[in-house]
Amino acid sequence: MIGSIDCMHWEWKNCPTAWKGQYSRGSAKPTIVLEAVASYDLWIWHAFFGPPGTLNDINVLDRSPVFDDIIKGQAPEVTFSVNGREYHLPYYLTDGIYLKWATFIQSISIPQGPKAVLFSQHQEAVRKDVERAFGVLQARFAIVKNPALFWDKVKIVKITRACIILHNMIVEDKRDGYTQFDVSEFQQGEDNRSSHVNLTYSTDMPSNIVNMMGVRTRIRDRQMHQQLKTDLVEHLWRKFERNEDNN
């Protein structure tokens, strides 16, 4: 799991009049969308800023370069196993609006049974990381929290990028002080856990457009999404059922 993905709207007070219809939803004020992926320590791994506020998260995803490195073969090769089954694509935690792709894992909206309830609790708790990252970014930089006063969108994009870079620098400087789990759990070695990650990787480029389309199809595989979700439910139940029984 790389992190949590979501979108934030930044109000554009001085949006040019000719663009207000494109950047406004109904009678709402014009906004610009920031799509971001954040990890548990609020580090922002991916940021895509600029789509108009009339777009929802799915429309922004269609324009986003978040999967470009994977499709082009430039991303590290990932191999991990969950519940005894091997997978080769990392995934993001999302809310319910995102599509059921192999790279997205949503919560269960109406969980039935203790396994589904436990999975929903853990997924929703971890998915708050990206929302916390947006809140911390706005708290640290008032220019991002308040409506943008610039006319030039290029300047707004540069300001957003600079704030995210500074935010990551602060996180990197302080991250050792608030790590709340045992990092040895994520290190390689012989163990009995049902989840294992292979850290070796390759950056080979796909040889042709057919390979790139094949990777794109794998990313959007709904059957693989359902299988991964089922395995994650079982993995969490095996890992935490003892604690739940004790409570």
Protein backbone atom coordinates (compact mmCIF):
# COMPACT_ATOMS: atom_id res chain seq x y z
CA MET A 1 0.00 0.00 0.00
CA ILE A 2 1.69 3.20 -1.21
CA GLY A 3 -0.62 5.68 0.49
CA SER A 4 -4.02 7.35 0.38
CA ILE A 5 -5.22 9.35 -2.62
CA ASP A 6 -7.77 12.17 -2.59
CA CYS A 7 -8.47 15.66 -3.92
CA MET A 8 -8.62 19.13 -2.32
CA HIS A 9 -10.18 22.31 -3.75
CA TRP A 10 -8.37 25.66 -3.44
CA GLU A 11 -10.61 28.70 -3.93
CA TRP A 12 -9.49 31.03 -6.74
CA LYS A 13 -10.77 34.46 -5.76
CA ASN A 14 -9.37 36.37 -8.75
CA CYS A 15 -10.27 33.81 -11.38
CA PRO A 16 -10.66 35.57 -14.77
CA THR A 17 -14.32 36.19 -15.56
CA ALA A 18 -14.11 34.22 -18.81
CA TRP A 19 -12.99 31.11 -16.87
CA LYS A 20 -15.45 31.24 -13.95
CA GLY A 21 -17.93 28.92 -15.63
CA GLN A 22 -15.21 26.33 -16.13
CA TYR A 23 -13.88 26.53 -12.55
CA SER A 24 -17.19 26.91 -10.63
CA ARG A 25 -19.84 24.37 -9.68
CA GLY A 26 -23.25 26.02 -9.90
CA SER A 27 -23.25 29.11 -7.72
CA ALA A 28 -20.12 28.05 -5.84
CA LYS A 29 -16.89 30.04 -6.04
CA PRO A 30 -14.16 29.09 -8.56
CA THR A 31 -11.69 26.49 -7.30
CA ILE A 32 -8.60 24.66 -8.52
CA VAL A 33 -8.15 20.98 -7.66
CA LEU A 34 -5.10 19.40 -6.02
CA GLU A 35 -4.84 15.60 -6.26
CA ALA A 36 -2.35 14.11 -3.81
CA VAL A 37 -1.08 10.81 -2.42
CA ALA A 38 0.03 10.92 1.21
CA SER A 39 1.55 8.28 3.49
CA TYR A 40 1.13 7.66 7.24
CA ASP A 41 3.68 10.37 8.15
CA LEU A 42 1.93 12.95 5.89
CA TRP A 43 4.68 12.84 3.26
CA ILE A 44 3.11 13.83 -0.08
CA TRP A 45 4.39 11.37 -2.70
CA HIS A 46 2.34 12.62 -5.63
CA ALA A 47 0.76 15.98 -6.35
CA PHE A 48 -1.24 16.96 -9.44
CA PHE A 49 -2.52 20.53 -9.36
CA GLY A 50 -4.44 22.55 -11.92
CA PRO A 51 -7.72 20.88 -12.99
CA PRO A 52 -10.79 23.15 -12.76
CA GLY A 53 -13.10 22.84 -9.78
CA THR A 54 -16.02 21.56 -11.88
CA LEU A 55 -14.28 18.17 -12.11
CA ASN A 56 -14.85 15.42 -9.57
CA ASP A 57 -12.18 13.00 -8.37
CA ILE A 58 -12.72 10.58 -11.26
CA ASN A 59 -12.40 13.31 -13.91
CA VAL A 60 -9.20 14.54 -12.24
CA LEU A 61 -7.85 10.97 -12.22
CA ASP A 62 -8.40 10.72 -16.00
CA ARG A 63 -6.02 13.68 -16.45
CA SER A 64 -3.62 12.73 -13.67
CA PRO A 65 -0.12 11.30 -14.32
CA VAL A 66 -0.27 9.15 -11.18
CA PHE A 67 0.01 5.90 -13.17
CA ASP A 68 2.31 7.16 -15.95
CA ASP A 69 5.49 5.67 -14.47
CA ILE A 70 3.85 2.26 -14.10
CA ILE A 71 2.43 2.28 -17.64
CA LYS A 72 5.74 3.42 -19.15
CA GLY A 73 7.72 0.84 -17.18
CA GLN A 74 9.71 3.44 -15.25
CA ALA A 75 8.36 2.56 -11.78
CA PRO A 76 10.07 0.03 -9.50
CA GLU A 77 8.70 -3.47 -9.93
CA VAL A 78 6.64 -4.47 -6.89
CA THR A 79 5.95 -8.01 -5.74
CA PHE A 80 4.11 -8.76 -2.53
CA SER A 81 1.93 -11.52 -1.14
CA VAL A 82 -1.26 -11.25 0.88
CA ASN A 83 -3.06 -14.24 2.33
CA GLY A 84 -0.75 -16.55 0.38
CA ARG A 85 -1.46 -14.91 -2.99
CA GLU A 86 1.12 -12.94 -4.98
CA TYR A 87 0.46 -9.48 -6.46
CA HIS A 88 2.56 -7.25 -8.71
CA LEU A 89 0.88 -3.84 -8.54
CA PRO A 90 0.95 -1.47 -5.56
CA TYR A 91 -2.36 0.02 -4.48
CA TYR A 92 -3.84 3.17 -2.94
CA LEU A 93 -6.55 3.58 -0.31
CA THR A 94 -9.46 5.66 -1.60
CA ASP A 95 -12.98 6.77 -0.76
CA GLY A 96 -16.07 5.35 -2.41
CA ILE A 97 -16.08 7.56 -5.52
CA TYR A 98 -13.01 5.93 -7.06
CA LEU A 99 -13.39 3.03 -9.47
CA LYS A 100 -12.87 -0.60 -8.54
CA TRP A 101 -9.43 -0.99 -10.09
CA ALA A 102 -6.62 -3.32 -9.03
CA THR A 103 -4.71 -0.28 -7.75
CA PHE A 104 -7.53 1.13 -5.57
CA ILE A 105 -8.94 -0.28 -2.34
CA GLN A 106 -12.08 1.33 -0.91
CA SER A 107 -13.79 0.70 2.38
CA ILE A 108 -16.90 -1.50 2.61
CA SER A 109 -19.86 0.86 2.73
CA ILE A 110 -22.25 -1.52 4.52
CA PRO A 111 -20.02 -4.16 6.16
CA GLN A 112 -21.67 -7.48 6.94
CA GLY A 113 -19.99 -9.67 9.54
CA PRO A 114 -17.03 -9.11 11.88
CA LYS A 115 -14.37 -9.50 9.14
CA ALA A 116 -15.87 -6.79 6.95
CA VAL A 117 -16.38 -4.49 9.95
CA LEU A 118 -12.76 -4.92 11.06
CA PHE A 119 -11.48 -4.23 7.54
CA SER A 120 -13.63 -1.09 7.21
CA GLN A 121 -12.40 0.25 10.53
CA HIS A 122 -8.74 -0.15 9.60
CA GLN A 123 -9.15 1.10 6.01
CA GLU A 124 -11.05 4.23 7.03
CA ALA A 125 -8.60 4.97 9.86
CA VAL A 126 -5.57 4.81 7.56
CA ARG A 127 -7.28 6.65 4.69
CA LYS A 128 -7.54 9.75 6.88
CA ASP A 129 -3.80 10.27 6.32
CA VAL A 130 -4.33 12.20 3.08
CA GLU A 131 -7.04 14.37 4.66
CA ARG A 132 -4.69 15.11 7.55
CA ALA A 133 -1.96 15.99 5.04
CA PHE A 134 -4.26 18.56 3.40
CA GLY A 135 -5.13 20.02 6.79
CA VAL A 136 -1.48 20.27 7.88
CA LEU A 137 -0.51 21.82 4.53
CA GLN A 138 -3.16 24.52 4.95
CA ALA A 139 -2.25 25.09 8.60
CA ARG A 140 1.42 25.57 7.80
CA PHE A 141 0.92 27.81 4.78
CA ALA A 142 -1.90 30.36 5.07
CA ILE A 143 -1.53 31.21 1.37
CA VAL A 144 -2.91 27.73 0.54
CA LYS A 145 -5.72 27.98 3.09
CA ASN A 146 -6.98 31.40 2.00
CA PRO A 147 -8.45 32.14 -1.46
CA ALA A 148 -5.83 32.61 -4.17
CA LEU A 149 -5.42 36.30 -5.06
CA PHE A 150 -3.38 35.85 -8.25
CA TRP A 151 -4.70 36.21 -11.76
CA ASP A 152 -2.02 34.05 -13.34
CA LYS A 153 -2.66 30.33 -12.86
CA VAL A 154 1.00 29.51 -13.55
CA LYS A 155 2.01 31.45 -10.43
CA ILE A 156 -0.58 29.60 -8.36
CA VAL A 157 0.82 26.28 -9.58
CA LYS A 158 4.35 27.32 -8.59
CA ILE A 159 3.18 28.44 -5.13
CA THR A 160 1.43 25.11 -4.57
CA ARG A 161 4.49 23.15 -5.65
CA ALA A 162 6.76 25.22 -3.40
CA CYS A 163 4.46 24.71 -0.38
CA ILE A 164 4.37 20.94 -0.95
CA ILE A 165 8.18 20.80 -1.22
CA LEU A 166 8.57 22.77 2.02
CA HIS A 167 5.94 20.58 3.69
CA ASN A 168 7.88 17.44 2.72
CA MET A 169 11.11 18.96 3.99
CA ILE A 170 9.48 19.56 7.38
CA VAL A 171 8.09 16.01 7.44
CA GLU A 172 11.48 14.55 6.57
CA ASP A 173 13.12 16.55 9.36
CA LYS A 174 10.58 15.48 12.01
CA ARG A 175 9.44 12.03 10.88
CA ASP A 176 11.78 10.09 13.21
CA GLY A 177 10.11 11.66 16.22
CA TYR A 178 6.58 10.36 15.60
CA THR A 179 7.00 6.92 14.10
CA GLN A 180 4.49 4.89 16.10
CA PHE A 181 5.09 1.36 14.89
CA ASP A 182 7.86 -1.21 14.69
CA VAL A 183 9.59 -0.73 11.34
CA SER A 184 11.08 -4.23 11.57
CA GLU A 185 7.68 -5.51 10.45
CA PHE A 186 8.39 -4.12 6.98
CA GLN A 187 11.95 -5.42 6.69
CA GLN A 188 12.87 -8.54 4.74
CA GLY A 189 13.56 -11.77 6.52
CA GLU A 190 12.11 -15.16 7.27
CA ASP A 191 8.81 -14.90 9.12
CA ASN A 192 5.38 -16.42 9.39
CA ARG A 193 3.38 -13.37 8.39
CA SER A 194 0.89 -13.62 5.55
CA SER A 195 2.12 -10.39 3.95
CA HIS A 196 5.57 -10.14 2.35
CA VAL A 197 7.18 -7.58 0.04
CA ASN A 198 9.98 -8.21 -2.45
CA LEU A 199 12.17 -5.08 -2.52
CA THR A 200 14.05 -5.95 -5.72
CA TYR A 201 12.97 -3.92 -8.71
CA SER A 202 13.51 -3.29 -12.40
CA THR A 203 13.07 -0.16 -14.49
CA ASP A 204 12.87 -1.77 -17.92
CA MET A 205 10.84 0.23 -20.43
CA PRO A 206 7.97 -1.57 -22.22
CA SER A 207 9.10 -2.40 -25.74
CA ASN A 208 5.96 -1.25 -27.54
CA ILE A 209 2.50 0.18 -27.20
CA VAL A 210 1.03 -3.32 -26.75
CA ASN A 211 2.93 -3.79 -23.48
CA MET A 212 1.81 -0.37 -22.26
CA MET A 213 -1.82 -1.19 -23.02
CA GLY A 214 -1.40 -4.49 -21.21
CA VAL A 215 -0.19 -2.70 -18.06
CA ARG A 216 -3.07 -0.24 -18.35
CA THR A 217 -5.51 -3.17 -18.51
CA ARG A 218 -3.94 -4.73 -15.40
CA ILE A 219 -4.34 -1.46 -13.50
CA ARG A 220 -8.08 -1.40 -14.31
CA ASP A 221 -8.70 -5.08 -13.60
CA ARG A 222 -11.88 -5.25 -11.49
CA GLN A 223 -11.49 -8.98 -10.84
CA MET A 224 -8.01 -8.44 -9.41
CA HIS A 225 -9.40 -5.60 -7.29
CA GLN A 226 -12.00 -7.87 -5.75
CA GLN A 227 -9.46 -10.66 -5.16
CA LEU A 228 -7.01 -8.29 -3.45
CA LYS A 229 -9.76 -6.83 -1.29
CA THR A 230 -10.87 -10.29 -0.21
CA ASP A 231 -7.30 -11.28 0.65
CA LEU A 232 -6.78 -8.06 2.62
CA VAL A 233 -9.95 -8.72 4.63
CA GLU A 234 -8.63 -12.19 5.50
CA HIS A 235 -5.13 -10.87 6.25
CA LEU A 236 -6.41 -8.23 8.67
CA TRP A 237 -8.70 -10.72 10.36
CA ARG A 238 -5.82 -13.16 10.94
CA LYS A 239 -3.58 -10.41 12.21
CA PHE A 240 -6.01 -8.69 14.59
CA GLU A 241 -8.66 -11.28 15.47
CA ARG A 242 -6.74 -12.26 18.62
CA ASN A 243 -6.81 -8.67 19.87
CA GLU A 244 -10.48 -8.37 19.01
CA ASP A 245 -11.28 -11.57 20.90
CA ASN A 246 -9.42 -10.31 23.96
CA ASN A 247 -11.44 -7.11 23.94
